[in-house]
């Protein structure tokens, strides 16, 4: 799938592409964005899969910490803090930085789902809304609202693509018995 964006409210031209494949029992989703403009362009990519929330959800991921999101500013990072112990608990809506690009989760259905990502997707949003039958584990290239934040580590920032330059990342999902 692809989409070509002309100049408009977003003042740069770009080509966004997504490919989906099944290889060796894994689902692979690749995103890319190519700067078609004659000027450098800030860019970022991310995948936002929803999963059915099993009873007794557990979620493991190694991160450096998280950007706390305030309830009144949904999705917007406020300050850094250490990552909580229980990543599967209800109430998360945070971007985790320093992610090693591996996560695993499961619950009462005796299955474990592994999610891995390529280096371009080095941050992880975890969204576990209270009372909902779903949750999200989202590999992203940058911290939420990075375009408006000045003091971020390089791995948390949006990249600036030169004309003709591409940003690409892949997420792989596999399932195994828990």
N, C-alpha and C. Protein backbone atom coordinates (compact mmCIF):
# COMPACT_ATOMS: atom_id res chain seq x y z
N UNK A 1 0.85 -1.16 0.00
CA UNK A 1 0.00 0.00 0.00
C UNK A 1 0.90 1.23 0.00
N UNK A 2 0.43 2.27 -0.63
CA UNK A 2 1.23 3.49 -0.66
C UNK A 2 0.32 4.70 -0.72
N UNK A 3 0.87 5.84 -0.33
CA UNK A 3 0.17 7.12 -0.37
C UNK A 3 1.20 8.19 -0.69
N UNK A 4 0.91 9.00 -1.70
CA UNK A 4 1.79 10.12 -2.04
C UNK A 4 1.12 11.41 -1.60
N UNK A 5 1.82 12.16 -0.73
CA UNK A 5 1.29 13.40 -0.17
C UNK A 5 1.86 14.59 -0.92
N UNK A 6 0.96 15.47 -1.39
CA UNK A 6 1.38 16.73 -2.03
C UNK A 6 1.53 17.80 -0.96
N UNK A 7 2.23 18.86 -1.28
CA UNK A 7 2.34 19.98 -0.32
C UNK A 7 0.94 20.46 0.05
N UNK A 8 0.81 20.86 1.31
CA UNK A 8 -0.46 21.36 1.82
C UNK A 8 -0.22 21.86 3.23
N UNK A 9 -1.15 21.58 4.16
CA UNK A 9 -0.91 21.97 5.55
C UNK A 9 0.41 21.39 6.08
N UNK A 10 0.75 20.16 5.68
CA UNK A 10 2.09 19.62 5.93
C UNK A 10 2.90 20.04 4.71
N UNK A 11 3.88 20.94 4.87
CA UNK A 11 4.46 21.62 3.70
C UNK A 11 5.50 20.84 2.91
N UNK A 12 5.61 19.53 3.07
CA UNK A 12 6.59 18.73 2.34
C UNK A 12 5.87 17.64 1.56
N UNK A 13 6.44 17.28 0.45
CA UNK A 13 5.95 16.13 -0.34
C UNK A 13 6.63 14.87 0.16
N UNK A 14 5.87 13.77 0.28
CA UNK A 14 6.47 12.51 0.69
C UNK A 14 5.67 11.34 0.14
N UNK A 15 6.29 10.17 0.17
CA UNK A 15 5.66 8.92 -0.21
C UNK A 15 5.69 8.02 1.02
N UNK A 16 4.52 7.57 1.47
CA UNK A 16 4.42 6.62 2.60
C UNK A 16 4.05 5.26 2.02
N UNK A 17 4.72 4.21 2.51
CA UNK A 17 4.44 2.86 2.04
C UNK A 17 4.32 1.91 3.21
N UNK A 18 3.44 0.91 3.06
CA UNK A 18 3.30 -0.15 4.06
C UNK A 18 3.21 -1.48 3.33
N UNK A 19 3.98 -2.46 3.79
CA UNK A 19 3.87 -3.80 3.24
C UNK A 19 3.62 -4.78 4.39
N UNK A 20 2.84 -5.80 4.09
CA UNK A 20 2.47 -6.81 5.07
C UNK A 20 2.79 -8.17 4.47
N UNK A 21 3.47 -9.02 5.24
CA UNK A 21 3.79 -10.36 4.73
C UNK A 21 3.82 -11.36 5.87
N UNK A 22 3.64 -12.62 5.53
CA UNK A 22 3.81 -13.73 6.47
C UNK A 22 5.02 -14.53 6.02
N UNK A 23 6.01 -14.63 6.90
CA UNK A 23 7.24 -15.37 6.59
C UNK A 23 7.58 -16.23 7.79
N UNK A 24 7.77 -17.52 7.58
CA UNK A 24 8.22 -18.44 8.63
C UNK A 24 7.39 -18.32 9.90
N UNK A 25 6.08 -18.21 9.76
CA UNK A 25 5.20 -18.15 10.92
C UNK A 25 5.16 -16.80 11.61
N UNK A 26 5.74 -15.76 11.02
CA UNK A 26 5.72 -14.43 11.60
C UNK A 26 5.01 -13.46 10.66
N UNK A 27 4.26 -12.54 11.29
CA UNK A 27 3.66 -11.44 10.55
C UNK A 27 4.67 -10.31 10.53
N UNK A 28 4.99 -9.80 9.36
CA UNK A 28 5.93 -8.69 9.20
C UNK A 28 5.17 -7.51 8.60
N UNK A 29 5.29 -6.35 9.27
CA UNK A 29 4.70 -5.12 8.74
C UNK A 29 5.84 -4.10 8.63
N UNK A 30 6.04 -3.60 7.42
CA UNK A 30 7.10 -2.62 7.18
C UNK A 30 6.46 -1.30 6.77
N UNK A 31 6.92 -0.24 7.41
CA UNK A 31 6.51 1.13 7.07
C UNK A 31 7.72 1.88 6.55
N UNK A 32 7.48 2.77 5.59
CA UNK A 32 8.56 3.66 5.18
C UNK A 32 7.97 4.99 4.76
N UNK A 33 8.81 6.01 4.87
CA UNK A 33 8.45 7.34 4.39
C UNK A 33 9.66 7.87 3.62
N UNK A 34 9.41 8.36 2.42
CA UNK A 34 10.44 8.86 1.52
C UNK A 34 10.19 10.34 1.29
N UNK A 35 11.19 11.16 1.51
CA UNK A 35 11.08 12.60 1.28
C UNK A 35 11.15 12.87 -0.22
N UNK A 36 10.04 13.29 -0.81
CA UNK A 36 9.98 13.63 -2.23
C UNK A 36 10.21 15.11 -2.47
N UNK A 37 10.42 15.87 -1.40
CA UNK A 37 10.52 17.31 -1.51
C UNK A 37 11.96 17.73 -1.83
N UNK A 38 12.13 18.99 -2.16
CA UNK A 38 13.46 19.53 -2.42
C UNK A 38 14.10 20.09 -1.16
N UNK A 39 13.38 20.09 -0.05
CA UNK A 39 13.88 20.58 1.24
C UNK A 39 13.91 19.45 2.26
N UNK A 40 14.78 19.53 3.28
CA UNK A 40 14.76 18.54 4.37
C UNK A 40 13.40 18.53 5.06
N UNK A 41 13.00 17.36 5.54
CA UNK A 41 11.67 17.18 6.13
C UNK A 41 11.76 16.40 7.44
N UNK A 42 11.15 16.88 8.53
CA UNK A 42 11.07 16.06 9.75
C UNK A 42 10.12 14.89 9.49
N UNK A 43 10.46 13.73 10.04
CA UNK A 43 9.64 12.55 9.76
C UNK A 43 9.70 11.57 10.93
N UNK A 44 8.67 10.76 11.00
CA UNK A 44 8.61 9.68 11.97
C UNK A 44 7.62 8.64 11.49
N UNK A 45 7.76 7.43 12.02
CA UNK A 45 6.86 6.33 11.66
C UNK A 45 6.48 5.57 12.92
N UNK A 46 5.38 4.85 12.85
CA UNK A 46 4.97 4.03 13.99
C UNK A 46 3.86 3.09 13.60
N UNK A 47 3.82 1.97 14.28
CA UNK A 47 2.76 0.99 14.09
C UNK A 47 1.94 0.94 15.37
N UNK A 48 0.63 0.82 15.23
CA UNK A 48 -0.26 0.94 16.38
C UNK A 48 -1.25 -0.22 16.45
N UNK A 49 -0.74 -1.45 16.60
CA UNK A 49 -1.66 -2.60 16.63
C UNK A 49 -2.44 -2.68 17.95
N UNK A 50 -3.69 -3.07 17.83
CA UNK A 50 -4.56 -3.37 18.98
C UNK A 50 -4.58 -4.88 19.16
N UNK A 51 -4.63 -5.33 20.39
CA UNK A 51 -4.73 -6.75 20.71
C UNK A 51 -5.90 -6.96 21.67
N UNK A 52 -6.52 -8.13 21.59
CA UNK A 52 -7.56 -8.48 22.55
C UNK A 52 -6.89 -8.67 23.90
N UNK A 53 -7.45 -8.04 24.93
CA UNK A 53 -6.87 -8.10 26.28
C UNK A 53 -7.32 -9.41 26.96
N UNK A 54 -6.39 -10.35 27.16
CA UNK A 54 -6.78 -11.60 27.84
C UNK A 54 -6.90 -11.38 29.34
N UNK A 55 -7.62 -12.29 30.01
CA UNK A 55 -7.63 -12.28 31.47
C UNK A 55 -6.20 -12.49 31.95
N UNK A 56 -5.80 -11.76 32.99
CA UNK A 56 -4.46 -11.93 33.55
C UNK A 56 -3.35 -11.47 32.62
N UNK A 57 -3.59 -10.40 31.87
CA UNK A 57 -2.57 -9.91 30.93
C UNK A 57 -1.24 -9.69 31.63
N UNK A 58 -0.18 -10.22 31.05
CA UNK A 58 1.19 -9.90 31.46
C UNK A 58 1.91 -9.36 30.23
N UNK A 59 2.82 -8.44 30.47
CA UNK A 59 3.53 -7.77 29.39
C UNK A 59 4.95 -7.50 29.85
N UNK A 60 5.92 -7.99 29.09
CA UNK A 60 7.33 -7.78 29.41
C UNK A 60 8.02 -7.01 28.29
N UNK A 61 8.76 -5.98 28.67
CA UNK A 61 9.57 -5.22 27.71
C UNK A 61 10.66 -4.52 28.50
N UNK A 62 11.88 -4.54 27.99
CA UNK A 62 12.99 -3.83 28.63
C UNK A 62 13.08 -2.43 28.06
N UNK A 63 12.98 -1.44 28.94
CA UNK A 63 13.04 -0.04 28.52
C UNK A 63 13.95 0.73 29.47
N UNK A 64 14.33 1.93 29.06
CA UNK A 64 15.12 2.80 29.92
C UNK A 64 14.25 3.59 30.89
N UNK A 65 12.96 3.71 30.59
CA UNK A 65 12.02 4.47 31.40
C UNK A 65 10.86 4.90 30.54
N UNK A 66 10.05 5.81 31.08
CA UNK A 66 8.90 6.26 30.32
C UNK A 66 8.70 7.76 30.44
N UNK A 67 8.03 8.29 29.45
CA UNK A 67 7.54 9.65 29.49
C UNK A 67 6.13 9.57 30.06
N UNK A 68 5.90 10.19 31.21
CA UNK A 68 4.60 10.16 31.86
C UNK A 68 3.63 11.03 31.06
N UNK A 69 2.45 10.50 30.85
CA UNK A 69 1.37 11.24 30.20
C UNK A 69 0.35 11.61 31.27
N UNK A 70 -0.01 12.86 31.32
CA UNK A 70 -1.01 13.33 32.28
C UNK A 70 -2.42 13.05 31.76
N UNK A 71 -3.34 12.63 32.64
CA UNK A 71 -4.70 12.32 32.19
C UNK A 71 -5.37 13.46 31.43
N UNK A 72 -5.13 14.69 31.83
CA UNK A 72 -5.77 15.82 31.15
C UNK A 72 -5.10 16.19 29.83
N UNK A 73 -3.95 15.58 29.53
CA UNK A 73 -3.24 15.83 28.27
C UNK A 73 -2.97 14.50 27.58
N UNK A 74 -4.02 13.78 27.25
CA UNK A 74 -3.92 12.43 26.72
C UNK A 74 -2.89 12.34 25.60
N UNK A 75 -1.95 11.43 25.76
CA UNK A 75 -0.95 11.16 24.74
C UNK A 75 0.23 12.10 24.71
N UNK A 76 0.20 13.19 25.48
CA UNK A 76 1.31 14.14 25.45
C UNK A 76 2.25 13.90 26.63
N UNK A 77 3.53 13.68 26.36
CA UNK A 77 4.49 13.41 27.44
C UNK A 77 4.72 14.63 28.32
N UNK A 78 4.89 14.37 29.61
CA UNK A 78 5.06 15.45 30.58
C UNK A 78 6.46 15.45 31.19
N UNK A 79 6.88 14.30 31.73
CA UNK A 79 8.20 14.19 32.34
C UNK A 79 8.65 12.74 32.33
N UNK A 80 9.97 12.55 32.50
CA UNK A 80 10.54 11.20 32.54
C UNK A 80 10.40 10.60 33.93
N UNK A 81 10.25 9.28 33.96
CA UNK A 81 10.32 8.54 35.22
C UNK A 81 10.70 7.10 34.90
N UNK A 82 11.04 6.36 35.95
CA UNK A 82 11.38 4.96 35.78
C UNK A 82 10.18 4.18 35.27
N UNK A 83 10.42 3.12 34.54
CA UNK A 83 9.33 2.28 34.04
C UNK A 83 8.71 1.52 35.21
N UNK A 84 7.39 1.38 35.23
CA UNK A 84 6.73 0.61 36.28
C UNK A 84 7.03 -0.88 36.13
N UNK A 85 6.84 -1.63 37.19
CA UNK A 85 7.06 -3.07 37.16
C UNK A 85 6.00 -3.80 36.33
N UNK A 86 4.73 -3.41 36.48
CA UNK A 86 3.63 -4.12 35.83
C UNK A 86 3.18 -3.38 34.57
N UNK A 87 3.78 -3.73 33.45
CA UNK A 87 3.44 -3.05 32.19
C UNK A 87 2.07 -3.45 31.66
N UNK A 88 1.53 -4.57 32.14
CA UNK A 88 0.21 -5.02 31.69
C UNK A 88 -0.93 -4.45 32.51
N UNK A 89 -0.63 -3.70 33.57
CA UNK A 89 -1.69 -3.13 34.41
C UNK A 89 -2.51 -2.12 33.62
N UNK A 90 -3.77 -2.00 33.98
CA UNK A 90 -4.65 -1.03 33.33
C UNK A 90 -4.19 0.39 33.66
N UNK A 91 -4.35 1.29 32.72
CA UNK A 91 -4.08 2.70 32.96
C UNK A 91 -2.85 3.27 32.29
N UNK A 92 -2.09 2.46 31.55
CA UNK A 92 -0.92 3.01 30.86
C UNK A 92 -1.35 3.73 29.58
N UNK A 93 -0.75 4.85 29.33
CA UNK A 93 -0.84 5.57 28.06
C UNK A 93 0.44 6.40 27.98
N UNK A 94 1.57 5.67 27.85
CA UNK A 94 2.88 6.29 27.95
C UNK A 94 3.79 5.81 26.84
N UNK A 95 4.77 6.65 26.50
CA UNK A 95 5.81 6.27 25.56
C UNK A 95 7.05 5.88 26.36
N UNK A 96 7.57 4.71 26.10
CA UNK A 96 8.75 4.18 26.79
C UNK A 96 9.96 4.36 25.88
N UNK A 97 11.01 4.90 26.44
CA UNK A 97 12.23 5.16 25.68
C UNK A 97 13.30 4.13 26.08
N UNK A 98 14.35 4.04 25.28
CA UNK A 98 15.41 3.08 25.57
C UNK A 98 14.95 1.64 25.44
N UNK A 99 13.96 1.40 24.60
CA UNK A 99 13.39 0.07 24.40
C UNK A 99 14.36 -0.80 23.60
N UNK A 100 14.53 -2.05 24.00
CA UNK A 100 15.45 -2.94 23.28
C UNK A 100 14.80 -3.61 22.06
N UNK A 101 13.60 -3.16 21.69
CA UNK A 101 12.88 -3.58 20.49
C UNK A 101 12.37 -5.01 20.56
N UNK A 102 12.10 -5.47 21.81
CA UNK A 102 11.50 -6.78 22.01
C UNK A 102 10.45 -6.65 23.11
N UNK A 103 9.28 -7.24 22.88
CA UNK A 103 8.22 -7.28 23.89
C UNK A 103 7.53 -8.63 23.78
N UNK A 104 7.00 -9.08 24.90
CA UNK A 104 6.26 -10.34 24.91
C UNK A 104 5.09 -10.17 25.85
N UNK A 105 3.95 -10.73 25.47
CA UNK A 105 2.78 -10.63 26.33
C UNK A 105 1.88 -11.84 26.14
N UNK A 106 1.00 -12.02 27.10
CA UNK A 106 0.06 -13.13 27.08
C UNK A 106 -0.91 -13.00 28.23
N UNK A 107 -1.60 -14.10 28.50
CA UNK A 107 -2.58 -14.10 29.58
C UNK A 107 -3.18 -15.48 29.73
N UNK A 108 -4.45 -15.54 30.07
CA UNK A 108 -5.13 -16.79 30.39
C UNK A 108 -5.38 -17.71 29.22
N UNK A 109 -5.02 -17.35 28.01
CA UNK A 109 -5.31 -18.20 26.85
C UNK A 109 -4.16 -19.14 26.49
N UNK A 110 -3.13 -19.23 27.33
CA UNK A 110 -1.99 -20.14 27.13
C UNK A 110 -1.17 -19.85 25.89
N UNK A 111 -1.24 -18.64 25.39
CA UNK A 111 -0.41 -18.23 24.26
C UNK A 111 0.46 -17.06 24.68
N UNK A 112 1.63 -16.98 24.08
CA UNK A 112 2.50 -15.82 24.26
C UNK A 112 2.74 -15.21 22.89
N UNK A 113 2.65 -13.90 22.83
CA UNK A 113 2.87 -13.18 21.58
C UNK A 113 4.16 -12.39 21.72
N UNK A 114 5.06 -12.56 20.76
CA UNK A 114 6.32 -11.83 20.74
C UNK A 114 6.25 -10.77 19.65
N UNK A 115 6.74 -9.60 19.99
CA UNK A 115 6.79 -8.49 19.06
C UNK A 115 8.22 -7.99 19.03
N UNK A 116 8.80 -7.88 17.85
CA UNK A 116 10.15 -7.33 17.70
C UNK A 116 10.10 -6.22 16.66
N UNK A 117 11.10 -5.36 16.69
CA UNK A 117 11.13 -4.24 15.76
C UNK A 117 12.57 -3.97 15.33
N UNK A 118 12.72 -3.37 14.18
CA UNK A 118 14.03 -2.98 13.68
C UNK A 118 14.46 -1.68 14.36
N UNK A 119 15.74 -1.31 14.26
CA UNK A 119 16.26 -0.15 14.99
C UNK A 119 15.51 1.17 14.79
N UNK A 120 14.90 1.39 13.64
CA UNK A 120 14.19 2.65 13.41
C UNK A 120 13.00 2.82 14.35
N UNK A 121 12.52 1.73 14.94
CA UNK A 121 11.35 1.76 15.83
C UNK A 121 11.82 1.53 17.27
N UNK A 122 12.61 2.45 17.80
CA UNK A 122 13.27 2.27 19.09
C UNK A 122 12.53 2.78 20.31
N UNK A 123 11.30 3.24 20.15
CA UNK A 123 10.48 3.68 21.27
C UNK A 123 9.20 2.85 21.27
N UNK A 124 8.53 2.77 22.40
CA UNK A 124 7.38 1.88 22.53
C UNK A 124 6.27 2.58 23.30
N UNK A 125 5.10 2.69 22.68
CA UNK A 125 3.92 3.19 23.38
C UNK A 125 3.14 1.99 23.90
N UNK A 126 2.79 2.05 25.18
CA UNK A 126 1.94 1.02 25.78
C UNK A 126 0.66 1.72 26.22
N UNK A 127 -0.47 1.20 25.75
CA UNK A 127 -1.77 1.77 26.04
C UNK A 127 -2.67 0.66 26.57
N UNK A 128 -3.03 0.74 27.83
CA UNK A 128 -3.87 -0.27 28.49
C UNK A 128 -5.05 0.44 29.14
N UNK A 129 -6.05 0.84 28.36
CA UNK A 129 -7.17 1.61 28.92
C UNK A 129 -7.98 0.79 29.91
N UNK A 130 -8.29 1.37 31.08
CA UNK A 130 -9.10 0.64 32.07
C UNK A 130 -10.48 0.28 31.52
N UNK A 131 -10.92 -0.93 31.83
CA UNK A 131 -12.26 -1.36 31.47
C UNK A 131 -12.47 -1.71 30.01
N UNK A 132 -11.43 -1.71 29.21
CA UNK A 132 -11.57 -2.03 27.79
C UNK A 132 -11.11 -3.46 27.50
N UNK A 133 -11.61 -4.03 26.44
CA UNK A 133 -11.29 -5.41 26.06
C UNK A 133 -10.08 -5.48 25.14
N UNK A 134 -9.35 -4.40 25.00
CA UNK A 134 -8.18 -4.36 24.13
C UNK A 134 -7.04 -3.62 24.84
N UNK A 135 -5.85 -3.72 24.26
CA UNK A 135 -4.68 -2.95 24.68
C UNK A 135 -3.79 -2.80 23.46
N UNK A 136 -2.79 -1.91 23.55
CA UNK A 136 -1.91 -1.65 22.42
C UNK A 136 -0.45 -1.70 22.85
N UNK A 137 0.37 -2.26 22.00
CA UNK A 137 1.83 -2.27 22.15
C UNK A 137 2.34 -1.74 20.82
N UNK A 138 2.89 -0.50 20.82
CA UNK A 138 3.08 0.24 19.59
C UNK A 138 4.54 0.66 19.38
N UNK A 139 5.29 -0.01 18.50
CA UNK A 139 6.65 0.43 18.18
C UNK A 139 6.61 1.71 17.35
N UNK A 140 7.36 2.71 17.79
CA UNK A 140 7.38 4.01 17.11
C UNK A 140 8.82 4.51 17.00
N UNK A 141 9.04 5.42 16.06
CA UNK A 141 10.39 5.94 15.84
C UNK A 141 10.76 7.06 16.80
N UNK A 142 9.78 7.68 17.41
CA UNK A 142 10.05 8.87 18.22
C UNK A 142 9.02 8.97 19.35
N UNK A 143 9.31 9.79 20.31
CA UNK A 143 8.41 10.04 21.44
C UNK A 143 7.20 10.83 20.94
N UNK A 144 6.04 10.54 21.52
CA UNK A 144 4.83 11.33 21.21
C UNK A 144 5.14 12.81 21.33
N UNK A 145 4.65 13.60 20.39
CA UNK A 145 4.80 15.05 20.39
C UNK A 145 6.25 15.51 20.20
N UNK A 146 7.11 14.66 19.68
CA UNK A 146 8.52 15.02 19.50
C UNK A 146 8.71 16.27 18.66
N UNK A 147 7.82 16.50 17.73
CA UNK A 147 7.95 17.68 16.86
C UNK A 147 7.88 18.97 17.66
N UNK A 148 7.28 18.93 18.86
CA UNK A 148 7.15 20.13 19.70
C UNK A 148 8.04 20.11 20.94
N UNK A 149 8.93 19.13 21.05
CA UNK A 149 9.78 19.00 22.24
C UNK A 149 11.23 19.25 21.86
N UNK A 150 11.89 20.15 22.57
CA UNK A 150 13.26 20.54 22.23
C UNK A 150 14.32 19.65 22.86
N UNK A 151 14.13 19.20 24.08
CA UNK A 151 15.21 18.51 24.79
C UNK A 151 14.95 17.02 24.90
N UNK A 152 15.15 16.32 23.80
CA UNK A 152 15.00 14.87 23.75
C UNK A 152 16.34 14.24 23.41
N UNK A 153 16.54 13.02 23.88
CA UNK A 153 17.70 12.25 23.44
C UNK A 153 17.56 11.99 21.94
N UNK A 154 18.64 11.80 21.26
CA UNK A 154 18.60 11.62 19.80
C UNK A 154 17.67 10.47 19.41
N UNK A 155 17.68 9.37 20.14
CA UNK A 155 16.84 8.21 19.81
C UNK A 155 15.36 8.48 20.02
N UNK A 156 15.00 9.57 20.69
CA UNK A 156 13.60 9.92 20.96
C UNK A 156 13.07 10.95 19.97
N UNK A 157 13.94 11.53 19.17
CA UNK A 157 13.57 12.62 18.27
C UNK A 157 13.04 12.10 16.94
N UNK A 158 12.31 12.96 16.24
CA UNK A 158 11.99 12.69 14.85
C UNK A 158 13.29 12.85 14.06
N UNK A 159 13.40 12.14 12.96
CA UNK A 159 14.57 12.32 12.11
C UNK A 159 14.28 13.43 11.11
N UNK A 160 15.31 13.98 10.53
CA UNK A 160 15.16 14.95 9.45
C UNK A 160 15.70 14.26 8.19
N UNK A 161 14.80 14.03 7.25
CA UNK A 161 15.17 13.35 6.01
C UNK A 161 15.60 14.36 4.95
N UNK A 162 16.76 14.13 4.37
CA UNK A 162 17.21 14.95 3.24
C UNK A 162 16.34 14.62 2.03
N UNK A 163 16.30 15.46 1.03
CA UNK A 163 15.56 15.13 -0.19
C UNK A 163 16.01 13.76 -0.73
N UNK A 164 15.04 12.91 -1.02
CA UNK A 164 15.33 11.57 -1.53
C UNK A 164 15.67 10.55 -0.46
N UNK A 165 15.75 10.94 0.81
CA UNK A 165 16.10 10.02 1.88
C UNK A 165 14.84 9.32 2.42
N UNK A 166 15.02 8.08 2.90
CA UNK A 166 13.91 7.25 3.37
C UNK A 166 14.15 6.83 4.83
N UNK A 167 13.07 6.77 5.60
CA UNK A 167 13.05 6.17 6.94
C UNK A 167 12.19 4.93 6.84
N UNK A 168 12.72 3.79 7.34
CA UNK A 168 12.00 2.53 7.21
C UNK A 168 12.14 1.72 8.48
N UNK A 169 11.06 1.07 8.90
CA UNK A 169 11.08 0.19 10.07
C UNK A 169 10.12 -0.97 9.89
N UNK A 170 10.46 -2.08 10.53
CA UNK A 170 9.64 -3.30 10.43
C UNK A 170 9.34 -3.83 11.82
N UNK A 171 8.09 -4.27 12.01
CA UNK A 171 7.66 -4.95 13.21
C UNK A 171 7.33 -6.40 12.82
N UNK A 172 7.74 -7.35 13.66
CA UNK A 172 7.41 -8.75 13.44
C UNK A 172 6.62 -9.25 14.65
N UNK A 173 5.58 -10.02 14.41
CA UNK A 173 4.76 -10.59 15.48
C UNK A 173 4.71 -12.09 15.27
N UNK A 174 4.95 -12.83 16.36
CA UNK A 174 4.83 -14.29 16.30
C UNK A 174 4.11 -14.78 17.55
N UNK A 175 3.50 -15.96 17.45
CA UNK A 175 2.72 -16.55 18.53
C UNK A 175 3.30 -17.91 18.86
N UNK A 176 3.35 -18.24 20.16
CA UNK A 176 3.83 -19.56 20.59
C UNK A 176 3.05 -19.97 21.84
N UNK A 177 3.08 -21.24 22.20
CA UNK A 177 2.47 -21.65 23.47
C UNK A 177 3.19 -20.99 24.63
N UNK A 178 2.45 -20.55 25.63
CA UNK A 178 3.06 -19.89 26.81
C UNK A 178 3.75 -20.88 27.70
